[in-house]
Protein backbone atom coordinates (compact mmCIF):
# COMPACT_ATOMS: atom_id res chain seq x y z
CA UNK A 1 0.00 0.00 0.00
CA UNK A 2 1.17 3.47 -0.74
CA UNK A 3 0.99 5.65 2.40
CA UNK A 4 -0.79 8.44 0.48
CA UNK A 5 -3.50 6.16 -0.97
CA UNK A 6 -6.95 6.07 0.63
CA UNK A 7 -6.38 2.55 2.01
CA UNK A 8 -2.90 3.50 3.23
CA UNK A 9 -4.32 6.49 5.10
CA UNK A 10 -7.08 4.33 6.61
CA UNK A 11 -4.54 1.76 7.83
CA UNK A 12 -2.29 4.49 9.26
CA UNK A 13 -5.29 6.00 11.08
CA UNK A 14 -6.27 2.61 12.51
CA UNK A 15 -2.71 1.86 13.63
CA UNK A 16 -2.59 5.25 15.34
CA UNK A 17 -5.75 4.33 17.30
CA UNK A 18 -4.68 0.77 18.04
CA UNK A 19 -4.12 1.28 21.81
CA UNK A 20 -7.67 2.62 22.14
CA UNK A 21 -9.12 -0.17 20.03
CA UNK A 22 -7.33 -2.81 22.12
CA UNK A 23 -9.30 -1.65 25.16
CA UNK A 24 -12.40 -3.26 23.68
CA UNK A 25 -10.62 -6.61 23.64
CA UNK A 26 -9.35 -6.17 27.20
CA UNK A 27 -12.69 -4.86 28.56
CA UNK A 28 -15.64 -6.52 26.79
CA UNK A 29 -18.15 -4.44 28.81
CA UNK A 30 -17.05 -1.25 26.99
CA UNK A 31 -19.45 -0.06 24.32
CA UNK A 32 -17.80 0.63 20.97
CA UNK A 33 -20.42 3.21 20.02
CA UNK A 34 -22.82 5.55 21.77
CA UNK A 35 -26.06 4.24 20.24
CA UNK A 36 -27.62 3.50 23.65
CA UNK A 37 -27.11 7.10 24.77
CA UNK A 38 -28.25 8.51 21.43
CA UNK A 39 -31.47 6.49 21.63
CA UNK A 40 -32.03 7.55 25.24
CA UNK A 41 -31.76 11.29 24.51
CA UNK A 42 -33.62 11.27 21.18
CA UNK A 43 -37.03 11.99 22.79
CA UNK A 44 -35.53 14.94 24.67
CA UNK A 45 -34.03 16.37 21.49
CA UNK A 46 -37.32 15.94 19.60
CA UNK A 47 -39.26 17.45 22.48
CA UNK A 48 -36.95 20.45 22.59
CA UNK A 49 -37.63 21.05 18.91
CA UNK A 50 -41.40 20.63 19.39
CA UNK A 51 -41.55 23.09 22.32
CA UNK A 52 -41.19 25.92 19.80
CA UNK A 53 -44.63 24.98 18.45
CA UNK A 54 -46.45 24.48 21.78
CA UNK A 55 -48.65 27.52 21.19
CA UNK A 56 -47.49 29.47 24.24
CA UNK A 57 -44.90 29.50 26.96
CA UNK A 58 -47.37 27.90 29.37
CA UNK A 59 -48.19 25.19 26.82
CA UNK A 60 -44.48 24.40 26.45
CA UNK A 61 -44.11 24.20 30.25
CA UNK A 62 -47.05 21.77 30.48
CA UNK A 63 -45.60 19.65 27.68
CA UNK A 64 -42.23 19.58 29.45
CA UNK A 65 -43.94 18.47 32.68
CA UNK A 66 -45.69 15.63 30.84
CA UNK A 67 -42.40 14.56 29.24
CA UNK A 68 -40.86 14.52 32.73
CA UNK A 69 -43.71 12.44 34.14
CA UNK A 70 -43.49 9.95 31.28
CA UNK A 71 -39.70 9.71 31.60
CA UNK A 72 -40.13 9.07 35.33
CA UNK A 73 -42.61 6.31 34.50
CA UNK A 74 -40.05 4.74 32.19
CA UNK A 75 -37.27 4.93 34.80
CA UNK A 76 -39.51 3.37 37.46
CA UNK A 77 -40.90 0.75 35.04
CA UNK A 78 -44.45 2.06 35.49
CA UNK A 79 -47.00 1.76 32.68
CA UNK A 80 -47.72 5.45 31.81
CA UNK A 81 -51.42 5.16 30.87
CA UNK A 82 -52.23 3.19 34.02
CA UNK A 83 -50.34 5.68 36.22
CA UNK A 84 -51.96 8.71 34.58
CA UNK A 85 -55.44 7.19 34.94
CA UNK A 86 -54.90 6.49 38.66
CA UNK A 87 -53.29 9.87 39.33
CA UNK A 88 -56.02 11.87 37.58
CA UNK A 89 -58.74 9.83 39.30
CA UNK A 90 -57.29 10.50 42.76
CA UNK A 91 -56.20 14.11 42.17
CA UNK A 92 -59.51 15.94 42.90
CA UNK A 93 -59.77 14.54 46.45
CA UNK A 94 -56.04 14.44 47.22
CA UNK A 95 -54.35 16.79 49.69
CA UNK A 96 -52.08 19.36 48.05
CA UNK A 97 -49.49 18.77 50.79
CA UNK A 98 -49.15 15.12 49.69
CA UNK A 99 -48.93 15.50 45.90
CA UNK A 100 -45.61 13.58 45.82
CA UNK A 101 -47.63 10.45 46.62
CA UNK A 102 -49.12 10.66 43.12
CA UNK A 103 -45.76 10.60 41.34
CA UNK A 104 -44.82 7.61 39.17
CA UNK A 105 -43.23 4.93 41.30
CA UNK A 106 -44.94 6.16 44.49
CA UNK A 107 -48.60 5.66 43.48
CA UNK A 108 -49.93 2.25 44.51
PDB file of N, CA and C in Angstrom:
ATOM      1  N   UNK A   1       0.837  -1.172   0.000  1.00  0.00           N
ATOM      2  CA  UNK A   1       0.000   0.000   0.000  1.00  0.00           C
ATOM      3  C   UNK A   1       0.889   1.245   0.000  1.00  0.00           C
ATOM      4  N   UNK A   2       0.488   2.183  -0.769  1.00  0.00           N
ATOM      5  CA  UNK A   2       1.166   3.471  -0.737  1.00  0.00           C
ATOM      6  C   UNK A   2       0.614   4.282   0.432  1.00  0.00           C
ATOM      7  N   UNK A   3       1.451   4.907   1.222  1.00  0.00           N
ATOM      8  CA  UNK A   3       0.986   5.652   2.396  1.00  0.00           C
ATOM      9  C   UNK A   3      -0.005   6.768   2.063  1.00  0.00           C
ATOM     10  N   UNK A   4       0.089   7.331   0.869  1.00  0.00           N
ATOM     11  CA  UNK A   4      -0.795   8.439   0.485  1.00  0.00           C
ATOM     12  C   UNK A   4      -2.105   7.961  -0.118  1.00  0.00           C
ATOM     13  N   UNK A   5      -2.257   6.668  -0.389  1.00  0.00           N
ATOM     14  CA  UNK A   5      -3.501   6.165  -0.965  1.00  0.00           C
ATOM     15  C   UNK A   5      -4.588   6.160   0.113  1.00  0.00           C
ATOM     16  N   UNK A   6      -5.823   6.061  -0.317  1.00  0.00           N
ATOM     17  CA  UNK A   6      -6.947   6.072   0.629  1.00  0.00           C
ATOM     18  C   UNK A   6      -6.834   4.911   1.610  1.00  0.00           C
ATOM     19  N   UNK A   7      -6.505   3.711   1.124  1.00  0.00           N
ATOM     20  CA  UNK A   7      -6.383   2.549   2.011  1.00  0.00           C
ATOM     21  C   UNK A   7      -5.169   2.686   2.930  1.00  0.00           C
ATOM     22  N   UNK A   8      -4.095   3.262   2.414  1.00  0.00           N
ATOM     23  CA  UNK A   8      -2.899   3.496   3.227  1.00  0.00           C
ATOM     24  C   UNK A   8      -3.180   4.475   4.357  1.00  0.00           C
ATOM     25  N   UNK A   9      -3.949   5.525   4.062  1.00  0.00           N
ATOM     26  CA  UNK A   9      -4.323   6.489   5.095  1.00  0.00           C
ATOM     27  C   UNK A   9      -5.250   5.850   6.126  1.00  0.00           C
ATOM     28  N   UNK A  10      -6.169   5.008   5.685  1.00  0.00           N
ATOM     29  CA  UNK A  10      -7.081   4.329   6.610  1.00  0.00           C
ATOM     30  C   UNK A  10      -6.310   3.399   7.543  1.00  0.00           C
ATOM     31  N   UNK A  11      -5.350   2.665   7.002  1.00  0.00           N
ATOM     32  CA  UNK A  11      -4.539   1.758   7.830  1.00  0.00           C
ATOM     33  C   UNK A  11      -3.695   2.557   8.816  1.00  0.00           C
ATOM     34  N   UNK A  12      -3.093   3.660   8.367  1.00  0.00           N
ATOM     35  CA  UNK A  12      -2.288   4.494   9.256  1.00  0.00           C
ATOM     36  C   UNK A  12      -3.151   5.062  10.384  1.00  0.00           C
ATOM     37  N   UNK A  13      -4.362   5.466  10.078  1.00  0.00           N
ATOM     38  CA  UNK A  13      -5.294   6.001  11.078  1.00  0.00           C
ATOM     39  C   UNK A  13      -5.642   4.932  12.105  1.00  0.00           C
ATOM     40  N   UNK A  14      -5.922   3.713  11.614  1.00  0.00           N
ATOM     41  CA  UNK A  14      -6.270   2.609  12.509  1.00  0.00           C
ATOM     42  C   UNK A  14      -5.094   2.230  13.390  1.00  0.00           C
ATOM     43  N   UNK A  15      -3.900   2.183  12.829  1.00  0.00           N
ATOM     44  CA  UNK A  15      -2.711   1.860  13.625  1.00  0.00           C
ATOM     45  C   UNK A  15      -2.461   2.911  14.700  1.00  0.00           C
ATOM     46  N   UNK A  16      -2.747   4.166  14.376  1.00  0.00           N
ATOM     47  CA  UNK A  16      -2.589   5.245  15.339  1.00  0.00           C
ATOM     48  C   UNK A  16      -3.558   5.052  16.523  1.00  0.00           C
ATOM     49  N   UNK A  17      -4.740   4.524  16.257  1.00  0.00           N
ATOM     50  CA  UNK A  17      -5.751   4.327  17.299  1.00  0.00           C
ATOM     51  C   UNK A  17      -5.707   2.936  17.929  1.00  0.00           C
ATOM     52  N   UNK A  18      -4.739   2.144  17.561  1.00  0.00           N
ATOM     53  CA  UNK A  18      -4.681   0.765  18.042  1.00  0.00           C
ATOM     54  C   UNK A  18      -4.745   0.623  19.563  1.00  0.00           C
ATOM     55  N   UNK A  19      -4.012   1.428  20.342  1.00  0.00           N
ATOM     56  CA  UNK A  19      -4.118   1.283  21.805  1.00  0.00           C
ATOM     57  C   UNK A  19      -5.552   1.466  22.315  1.00  0.00           C
ATOM     58  N   UNK A  20      -6.279   2.405  21.726  1.00  0.00           N
ATOM     59  CA  UNK A  20      -7.669   2.618  22.138  1.00  0.00           C
ATOM     60  C   UNK A  20      -8.550   1.444  21.710  1.00  0.00           C
ATOM     61  N   UNK A  21      -8.324   0.949  20.526  1.00  0.00           N
ATOM     62  CA  UNK A  21      -9.125  -0.169  20.028  1.00  0.00           C
ATOM     63  C   UNK A  21      -8.875  -1.448  20.832  1.00  0.00           C
ATOM     64  N   UNK A  22      -7.651  -1.615  21.328  1.00  0.00           N
ATOM     65  CA  UNK A  22      -7.333  -2.810  22.120  1.00  0.00           C
ATOM     66  C   UNK A  22      -8.091  -2.841  23.444  1.00  0.00           C
ATOM     67  N   UNK A  23      -8.531  -1.690  23.916  1.00  0.00           N
ATOM     68  CA  UNK A  23      -9.301  -1.649  25.164  1.00  0.00           C
ATOM     69  C   UNK A  23     -10.597  -2.445  25.053  1.00  0.00           C
ATOM     70  N   UNK A  24     -11.155  -2.508  23.871  1.00  0.00           N
ATOM     71  CA  UNK A  24     -12.400  -3.263  23.681  1.00  0.00           C
ATOM     72  C   UNK A  24     -12.164  -4.764  23.768  1.00  0.00           C
ATOM     73  N   UNK A  25     -10.962  -5.194  23.484  1.00  0.00           N
ATOM     74  CA  UNK A  25     -10.615  -6.611  23.639  1.00  0.00           C
ATOM     75  C   UNK A  25     -10.348  -6.904  25.117  1.00  0.00           C
ATOM     76  N   UNK A  26      -9.687  -5.982  25.787  1.00  0.00           N
ATOM     77  CA  UNK A  26      -9.351  -6.170  27.202  1.00  0.00           C
ATOM     78  C   UNK A  26     -10.560  -5.995  28.126  1.00  0.00           C
ATOM     79  N   UNK A  27     -11.509  -5.155  27.735  1.00  0.00           N
ATOM     80  CA  UNK A  27     -12.688  -4.860  28.559  1.00  0.00           C
ATOM     81  C   UNK A  27     -13.950  -5.057  27.711  1.00  0.00           C
ATOM     82  N   UNK A  28     -14.494  -6.255  27.665  1.00  0.00           N
ATOM     83  CA  UNK A  28     -15.643  -6.518  26.794  1.00  0.00           C
ATOM     84  C   UNK A  28     -16.912  -5.773  27.199  1.00  0.00           C
ATOM     85  N   UNK A  29     -16.959  -5.193  28.401  1.00  0.00           N
ATOM     86  CA  UNK A  29     -18.145  -4.444  28.810  1.00  0.00           C
ATOM     87  C   UNK A  29     -18.166  -3.024  28.238  1.00  0.00           C
ATOM     88  N   UNK A  30     -17.072  -2.567  27.628  1.00  0.00           N
ATOM     89  CA  UNK A  30     -17.053  -1.247  26.993  1.00  0.00           C
ATOM     90  C   UNK A  30     -17.918  -1.281  25.736  1.00  0.00           C
ATOM     91  N   UNK A  31     -18.661  -0.207  25.543  1.00  0.00           N
ATOM     92  CA  UNK A  31     -19.448  -0.060  24.317  1.00  0.00           C
ATOM     93  C   UNK A  31     -18.566   0.581  23.248  1.00  0.00           C
ATOM     94  N   UNK A  32     -18.640   0.082  22.032  1.00  0.00           N
ATOM     95  CA  UNK A  32     -17.801   0.632  20.968  1.00  0.00           C
ATOM     96  C   UNK A  32     -18.451   1.841  20.303  1.00  0.00           C
ATOM     97  N   UNK A  33     -19.732   2.032  20.551  1.00  0.00           N
ATOM     98  CA  UNK A  33     -20.417   3.213  20.016  1.00  0.00           C
ATOM     99  C   UNK A  33     -21.304   3.806  21.101  1.00  0.00           C
ATOM    100  N   UNK A  34     -21.969   4.897  20.776  1.00  0.00           N
ATOM    101  CA  UNK A  34     -22.823   5.553  21.767  1.00  0.00           C
ATOM    102  C   UNK A  34     -24.300   5.450  21.380  1.00  0.00           C
ATOM    103  N   UNK A  35     -24.681   4.394  20.683  1.00  0.00           N
ATOM    104  CA  UNK A  35     -26.063   4.239  20.243  1.00  0.00           C
ATOM    105  C   UNK A  35     -27.053   4.212  21.403  1.00  0.00           C
ATOM    106  N   UNK A  36     -26.700   3.565  22.519  1.00  0.00           N
ATOM    107  CA  UNK A  36     -27.624   3.502  23.654  1.00  0.00           C
ATOM    108  C   UNK A  36     -27.924   4.898  24.182  1.00  0.00           C
ATOM    109  N   UNK A  37     -26.909   5.729  24.292  1.00  0.00           N
ATOM    110  CA  UNK A  37     -27.112   7.098  24.775  1.00  0.00           C
ATOM    111  C   UNK A  37     -27.885   7.909  23.744  1.00  0.00           C
ATOM    112  N   UNK A  38     -27.536   7.778  22.489  1.00  0.00           N
ATOM    113  CA  UNK A  38     -28.248   8.507  21.432  1.00  0.00           C
ATOM    114  C   UNK A  38     -29.734   8.175  21.455  1.00  0.00           C
ATOM    115  N   UNK A  39     -30.058   6.890  21.592  1.00  0.00           N
ATOM    116  CA  UNK A  39     -31.468   6.487  21.631  1.00  0.00           C
ATOM    117  C   UNK A  39     -32.161   7.010  22.879  1.00  0.00           C
ATOM    118  N   UNK A  40     -31.436   7.083  23.990  1.00  0.00           N
ATOM    119  CA  UNK A  40     -32.034   7.554  25.237  1.00  0.00           C
ATOM    120  C   UNK A  40     -32.355   9.042  25.185  1.00  0.00           C
ATOM    121  N   UNK A  41     -31.522   9.846  24.528  1.00  0.00           N
ATOM    122  CA  UNK A  41     -31.759  11.286  24.512  1.00  0.00           C
ATOM    123  C   UNK A  41     -32.568  11.761  23.307  1.00  0.00           C
ATOM    124  N   UNK A  42     -32.855  10.878  22.371  1.00  0.00           N
ATOM    125  CA  UNK A  42     -33.619  11.273  21.182  1.00  0.00           C
ATOM    126  C   UNK A  42     -34.963  11.912  21.539  1.00  0.00           C
ATOM    127  N   UNK A  43     -35.749  11.333  22.451  1.00  0.00           N
ATOM    128  CA  UNK A  43     -37.029  11.991  22.785  1.00  0.00           C
ATOM    129  C   UNK A  43     -36.846  13.394  23.351  1.00  0.00           C
ATOM    130  N   UNK A  44     -35.790  13.611  24.112  1.00  0.00           N
ATOM    131  CA  UNK A  44     -35.529  14.941  24.668  1.00  0.00           C
ATOM    132  C   UNK A  44     -35.223  15.924  23.549  1.00  0.00           C
ATOM    133  N   UNK A  45     -34.397  15.491  22.611  1.00  0.00           N
ATOM    134  CA  UNK A  45     -34.035  16.367  21.492  1.00  0.00           C
ATOM    135  C   UNK A  45     -35.261  16.681  20.632  1.00  0.00           C
ATOM    136  N   UNK A  46     -36.105  15.696  20.375  1.00  0.00           N
ATOM    137  CA  UNK A  46     -37.322  15.938  19.598  1.00  0.00           C
ATOM    138  C   UNK A  46     -38.276  16.847  20.359  1.00  0.00           C
ATOM    139  N   UNK A  47     -38.392  16.600  21.665  1.00  0.00           N
ATOM    140  CA  UNK A  47     -39.257  17.447  22.484  1.00  0.00           C
ATOM    141  C   UNK A  47     -38.801  18.889  22.465  1.00  0.00           C
ATOM    142  N   UNK A  48     -37.506  19.095  22.589  1.00  0.00           N
ATOM    143  CA  UNK A  48     -36.951  20.451  22.589  1.00  0.00           C
ATOM    144  C   UNK A  48     -37.320  21.163  21.291  1.00  0.00           C
ATOM    145  N   UNK A  49     -37.272  20.453  20.196  1.00  0.00           N
ATOM    146  CA  UNK A  49     -37.633  21.049  18.907  1.00  0.00           C
ATOM    147  C   UNK A  49     -39.131  21.348  18.861  1.00  0.00           C
ATOM    148  N   UNK A  50     -39.947  20.447  19.427  1.00  0.00           N
ATOM    149  CA  UNK A  50     -41.397  20.628  19.391  1.00  0.00           C
ATOM    150  C   UNK A  50     -41.875  21.721  20.335  1.00  0.00           C
ATOM    151  N   UNK A  51     -41.114  22.057  21.371  1.00  0.00           N
ATOM    152  CA  UNK A  51     -41.547  23.086  22.320  1.00  0.00           C
ATOM    153  C   UNK A  51     -41.744  24.430  21.624  1.00  0.00           C
ATOM    154  N   UNK A  52     -41.045  24.667  20.527  1.00  0.00           N
ATOM    155  CA  UNK A  52     -41.194  25.922  19.803  1.00  0.00           C
ATOM    156  C   UNK A  52     -42.599  26.057  19.229  1.00  0.00           C
ATOM    157  N   UNK A  53     -43.311  24.944  19.073  1.00  0.00           N
ATOM    158  CA  UNK A  53     -44.625  24.975  18.455  1.00  0.00           C
ATOM    159  C   UNK A  53     -45.723  24.593  19.449  1.00  0.00           C
ATOM    160  N   UNK A  54     -45.497  24.859  20.739  1.00  0.00           N
ATOM    161  CA  UNK A  54     -46.453  24.484  21.781  1.00  0.00           C
ATOM    162  C   UNK A  54     -47.629  25.453  21.861  1.00  0.00           C
ATOM    163  N   UNK A  55     -47.559  26.566  21.178  1.00  0.00           N
ATOM    164  CA  UNK A  55     -48.654  27.523  21.187  1.00  0.00           C
ATOM    165  C   UNK A  55     -48.422  28.682  22.137  1.00  0.00           C
ATOM    166  N   UNK A  56     -47.787  28.416  23.275  1.00  0.00           N
ATOM    167  CA  UNK A  56     -47.492  29.471  24.237  1.00  0.00           C
ATOM    168  C   UNK A  56     -46.413  28.966  25.182  1.00  0.00           C
ATOM    169  N   UNK A  57     -45.906  29.872  25.977  1.00  0.00           N
ATOM    170  CA  UNK A  57     -44.899  29.500  26.960  1.00  0.00           C
ATOM    171  C   UNK A  57     -45.482  28.523  27.971  1.00  0.00           C
ATOM    172  N   UNK A  58     -46.716  28.783  28.399  1.00  0.00           N
ATOM    173  CA  UNK A  58     -47.368  27.904  29.368  1.00  0.00           C
ATOM    174  C   UNK A  58     -47.613  26.515  28.769  1.00  0.00           C
ATOM    175  N   UNK A  59     -47.988  26.479  27.500  1.00  0.00           N
ATOM    176  CA  UNK A  59     -48.188  25.189  26.823  1.00  0.00           C
ATOM    177  C   UNK A  59     -46.895  24.389  26.753  1.00  0.00           C
ATOM    178  N   UNK A  60     -45.787  25.071  26.498  1.00  0.00           N
ATOM    179  CA  UNK A  60     -44.485  24.402  26.452  1.00  0.00           C
ATOM    180  C   UNK A  60     -44.103  23.879  27.831  1.00  0.00           C
ATOM    181  N   UNK A  61     -44.404  24.655  28.890  1.00  0.00           N
ATOM    182  CA  UNK A  61     -44.112  24.199  30.246  1.00  0.00           C
ATOM    183  C   UNK A  61     -44.934  22.952  30.588  1.00  0.00           C
ATOM    184  N   UNK A  62     -46.194  22.942  30.204  1.00  0.00           N
ATOM    185  CA  UNK A  62     -47.047  21.775  30.475  1.00  0.00           C
ATOM    186  C   UNK A  62     -46.550  20.551  29.709  1.00  0.00           C
ATOM    187  N   UNK A  63     -46.134  20.769  28.464  1.00  0.00           N
ATOM    188  CA  UNK A  63     -45.598  19.654  27.676  1.00  0.00           C
ATOM    189  C   UNK A  63     -44.327  19.110  28.317  1.00  0.00           C
ATOM    190  N   UNK A  64     -43.470  20.003  28.798  1.00  0.00           N
ATOM    191  CA  UNK A  64     -42.228  19.578  29.454  1.00  0.00           C
ATOM    192  C   UNK A  64     -42.539  18.790  30.724  1.00  0.00           C
ATOM    193  N   UNK A  65     -43.556  19.222  31.477  1.00  0.00           N
ATOM    194  CA  UNK A  65     -43.939  18.468  32.675  1.00  0.00           C
ATOM    195  C   UNK A  65     -44.409  17.064  32.306  1.00  0.00           C
ATOM    196  N   UNK A  66     -45.199  16.956  31.247  1.00  0.00           N
ATOM    197  CA  UNK A  66     -45.686  15.629  30.842  1.00  0.00           C
ATOM    198  C   UNK A  66     -44.530  14.745  30.373  1.00  0.00           C
ATOM    199  N   UNK A  67     -43.588  15.330  29.637  1.00  0.00           N
ATOM    200  CA  UNK A  67     -42.401  14.559  29.240  1.00  0.00           C
ATOM    201  C   UNK A  67     -41.655  14.059  30.477  1.00  0.00           C
ATOM    202  N   UNK A  68     -41.544  14.917  31.492  1.00  0.00           N
ATOM    203  CA  UNK A  68     -40.859  14.523  32.726  1.00  0.00           C
ATOM    204  C   UNK A  68     -41.596  13.394  33.430  1.00  0.00           C
ATOM    205  N   UNK A  69     -42.930  13.504  33.508  1.00  0.00           N
ATOM    206  CA  UNK A  69     -43.713  12.440  34.139  1.00  0.00           C
ATOM    207  C   UNK A  69     -43.544  11.119  33.395  1.00  0.00           C
ATOM    208  N   UNK A  70     -43.602  11.180  32.071  1.00  0.00           N
ATOM    209  CA  UNK A  70     -43.487   9.949  31.277  1.00  0.00           C
ATOM    210  C   UNK A  70     -42.083   9.357  31.367  1.00  0.00           C
ATOM    211  N   UNK A  71     -41.064  10.210  31.431  1.00  0.00           N
ATOM    212  CA  UNK A  71     -39.695   9.707  31.599  1.00  0.00           C
ATOM    213  C   UNK A  71     -39.538   9.065  32.974  1.00  0.00           C
ATOM    214  N   UNK A  72     -40.179   9.650  33.991  1.00  0.00           N
ATOM    215  CA  UNK A  72     -40.126   9.069  35.331  1.00  0.00           C
ATOM    216  C   UNK A  72     -40.825   7.725  35.354  1.00  0.00           C
ATOM    217  N   UNK A  73     -41.931   7.602  34.619  1.00  0.00           N
ATOM    218  CA  UNK A  73     -42.611   6.307  34.500  1.00  0.00           C
ATOM    219  C   UNK A  73     -41.658   5.273  33.903  1.00  0.00           C
ATOM    220  N   UNK A  74     -40.964   5.665  32.856  1.00  0.00           N
ATOM    221  CA  UNK A  74     -40.047   4.741  32.188  1.00  0.00           C
ATOM    222  C   UNK A  74     -38.924   4.300  33.130  1.00  0.00           C
ATOM    223  N   UNK A  75     -38.361   5.244  33.865  1.00  0.00           N
ATOM    224  CA  UNK A  75     -37.274   4.932  34.797  1.00  0.00           C
ATOM    225  C   UNK A  75     -37.737   3.971  35.882  1.00  0.00           C
ATOM    226  N   UNK A  76     -38.968   4.187  36.371  1.00  0.00           N
ATOM    227  CA  UNK A  76     -39.509   3.371  37.457  1.00  0.00           C
ATOM    228  C   UNK A  76     -40.267   2.143  36.963  1.00  0.00           C
ATOM    229  N   UNK A  77     -40.222   1.892  35.663  1.00  0.00           N
ATOM    230  CA  UNK A  77     -40.897   0.750  35.044  1.00  0.00           C
ATOM    231  C   UNK A  77     -42.382   0.730  35.396  1.00  0.00           C
ATOM    232  N   UNK A  78     -43.018   1.899  35.245  1.00  0.00           N
ATOM    233  CA  UNK A  78     -44.448   2.063  35.491  1.00  0.00           C
ATOM    234  C   UNK A  78     -45.123   2.264  34.139  1.00  0.00           C
ATOM    235  N   UNK A  79     -46.255   1.609  33.932  1.00  0.00           N
ATOM    236  CA  UNK A  79     -47.002   1.764  32.684  1.00  0.00           C
ATOM    237  C   UNK A  79     -47.650   3.155  32.700  1.00  0.00           C
ATOM    238  N   UNK A  80     -47.298   4.050  31.757  1.00  0.00           N
ATOM    239  CA  UNK A  80     -47.724   5.449  31.815  1.00  0.00           C
ATOM    240  C   UNK A  80     -49.239   5.657  31.804  1.00  0.00           C
ATOM    241  N   UNK A  81     -49.962   4.951  30.947  1.00  0.00           N
ATOM    242  CA  UNK A  81     -51.416   5.162  30.875  1.00  0.00           C
ATOM    243  C   UNK A  81     -52.093   4.770  32.179  1.00  0.00           C
ATOM    244  N   UNK A  82     -51.664   3.659  32.754  1.00  0.00           N
ATOM    245  CA  UNK A  82     -52.229   3.187  34.022  1.00  0.00           C
ATOM    246  C   UNK A  82     -51.941   4.202  35.139  1.00  0.00           C
ATOM    247  N   UNK A  83     -50.690   4.698  35.204  1.00  0.00           N
ATOM    248  CA  UNK A  83     -50.337   5.685  36.222  1.00  0.00           C
ATOM    249  C   UNK A  83     -51.157   6.951  36.049  1.00  0.00           C
ATOM    250  N   UNK A  84     -51.244   7.462  34.824  1.00  0.00           N
ATOM    251  CA  UNK A  84     -51.956   8.714  34.584  1.00  0.00           C
ATOM    252  C   UNK A  84     -53.434   8.574  34.934  1.00  0.00           C
ATOM    253  N   UNK A  85     -54.034   7.433  34.601  1.00  0.00           N
ATOM    254  CA  UNK A  85     -55.440   7.190  34.936  1.00  0.00           C
ATOM    255  C   UNK A  85     -55.647   7.218  36.447  1.00  0.00           C
ATOM    256  N   UNK A  86     -54.791   6.515  37.191  1.00  0.00           N
ATOM    257  CA  UNK A  86     -54.902   6.489  38.656  1.00  0.00           C
ATOM    258  C   UNK A  86     -54.672   7.881  39.252  1.00  0.00           C
ATOM    259  N   UNK A  87     -53.639   8.561  38.769  1.00  0.00           N
ATOM    260  CA  UNK A  87     -53.294   9.875  39.326  1.00  0.00           C
ATOM    261  C   UNK A  87     -54.418  10.882  39.086  1.00  0.00           C
ATOM    262  N   UNK A  88     -54.962  10.915  37.876  1.00  0.00           N
ATOM    263  CA  UNK A  88     -56.023  11.873  37.576  1.00  0.00           C
ATOM    264  C   UNK A  88     -57.320  11.533  38.298  1.00  0.00           C
ATOM    265  N   UNK A  89     -57.549  10.247  38.560  1.00  0.00           N
ATOM    266  CA  UNK A  89     -58.742   9.833  39.304  1.00  0.00           C
ATOM    267  C   UNK A  89     -58.645  10.280  40.758  1.00  0.00           C
ATOM    268  N   UNK A  90     -57.477  10.159  41.348  1.00  0.00           N
ATOM    269  CA  UNK A  90     -57.289  10.502  42.762  1.00  0.00           C
ATOM    270  C   UNK A  90     -57.054  11.985  43.000  1.00  0.00           C
ATOM    271  N   UNK A  91     -56.612  12.718  42.001  1.00  0.00           N
ATOM    272  CA  UNK A  91     -56.204  14.112  42.165  1.00  0.00           C
ATOM    273  C   UNK A  91     -57.272  15.024  42.772  1.00  0.00           C
ATOM    274  N   UNK A  92     -58.537  14.987  42.354  1.00  0.00           N
ATOM    275  CA  UNK A  92     -59.512  15.942  42.902  1.00  0.00           C
ATOM    276  C   UNK A  92     -59.685  15.867  44.420  1.00  0.00           C
ATOM    277  N   UNK A  93     -59.559  14.698  45.006  1.00  0.00           N
ATOM    278  CA  UNK A  93     -59.769  14.537  46.445  1.00  0.00           C
ATOM    279  C   UNK A  93     -58.469  14.433  47.229  1.00  0.00           C
ATOM    280  N   UNK A  94     -57.342  14.637  46.578  1.00  0.00           N
ATOM    281  CA  UNK A  94     -56.044  14.436  47.219  1.00  0.00           C
ATOM    282  C   UNK A  94     -55.550  15.735  47.843  1.00  0.00           C
ATOM    283  N   UNK A  95     -54.891  15.626  48.996  1.00  0.00           N
ATOM    284  CA  UNK A  95     -54.346  16.793  49.687  1.00  0.00           C
ATOM    285  C   UNK A  95     -53.176  17.378  48.894  1.00  0.00           C
ATOM    286  N   UNK A  96     -53.157  18.694  48.784  1.00  0.00           N
ATOM    287  CA  UNK A  96     -52.084  19.362  48.048  1.00  0.00           C
ATOM    288  C   UNK A  96     -50.731  19.202  48.742  1.00  0.00           C
ATOM    289  N   UNK A  97     -50.736  18.976  50.057  1.00  0.00           N
ATOM    290  CA  UNK A  97     -49.494  18.769  50.795  1.00  0.00           C
ATOM    291  C   UNK A  97     -48.886  17.385  50.531  1.00  0.00           C
ATOM    292  N   UNK A  98     -49.635  16.487  49.913  1.00  0.00           N
ATOM    293  CA  UNK A  98     -49.153  15.120  49.686  1.00  0.00           C
ATOM    294  C   UNK A  98     -49.150  14.762  48.191  1.00  0.00           C
ATOM    295  N   UNK A  99     -48.924  15.748  47.342  1.00  0.00           N
ATOM    296  CA  UNK A  99     -48.931  15.495  45.898  1.00  0.00           C
ATOM    297  C   UNK A  99     -47.837  14.521  45.463  1.00  0.00           C
ATOM    298  N   UNK A 100     -46.701  14.489  46.190  1.00  0.00           N
ATOM    299  CA  UNK A 100     -45.608  13.580  45.819  1.00  0.00           C
ATOM    300  C   UNK A 100     -46.051  12.126  45.847  1.00  0.00           C
ATOM    301  N   UNK A 101     -47.116  11.816  46.593  1.00  0.00           N
ATOM    302  CA  UNK A 101     -47.632  10.448  46.623  1.00  0.00           C
ATOM    303  C   UNK A 101     -48.211  10.009  45.274  1.00  0.00           C
ATOM    304  N   UNK A 102     -48.540  10.974  44.429  1.00  0.00           N
ATOM    305  CA  UNK A 102     -49.124  10.661  43.122  1.00  0.00           C
ATOM    306  C   UNK A 102     -48.075  10.507  42.017  1.00  0.00           C
ATOM    307  N   UNK A 103     -46.819  10.722  42.347  1.00  0.00           N
ATOM    308  CA  UNK A 103     -45.763  10.604  41.341  1.00  0.00           C
ATOM    309  C   UNK A 103     -45.578   9.167  40.877  1.00  0.00           C
ATOM    310  N   UNK A 104     -45.101   8.963  39.638  1.00  0.00           N
ATOM    311  CA  UNK A 104     -44.823   7.610  39.167  1.00  0.00           C
ATOM    312  C   UNK A 104     -43.827   6.913  40.089  1.00  0.00           C
ATOM    313  N   UNK A 105     -44.104   5.688  40.424  1.00  0.00           N
ATOM    314  CA  UNK A 105     -43.232   4.933  41.304  1.00  0.00           C
ATOM    315  C   UNK A 105     -43.663   5.003  42.757  1.00  0.00           C
ATOM    316  N   UNK A 106     -44.456   6.004  43.104  1.00  0.00           N
ATOM    317  CA  UNK A 106     -44.945   6.160  44.486  1.00  0.00           C
ATOM    318  C   UNK A 106     -46.414   5.758  44.583  1.00  0.00           C
ATOM    319  N   UNK A 107     -47.156   5.928  43.488  1.00  0.00           N
ATOM    320  CA  UNK A 107     -48.598   5.658  43.483  1.00  0.00           C
ATOM    321  C   UNK A 107     -48.848   4.167  43.486  1.00  0.00           C
ATOM    322  N   UNK A 108     -49.611   3.684  44.428  1.00  0.00           N
ATOM    323  CA  UNK A 108     -49.935   2.249  44.513  1.00  0.00           C
ATOM    324  C   UNK A 108     -51.307   1.980  43.951  1.00  0.00           C
TER     325      UNK A 108
END
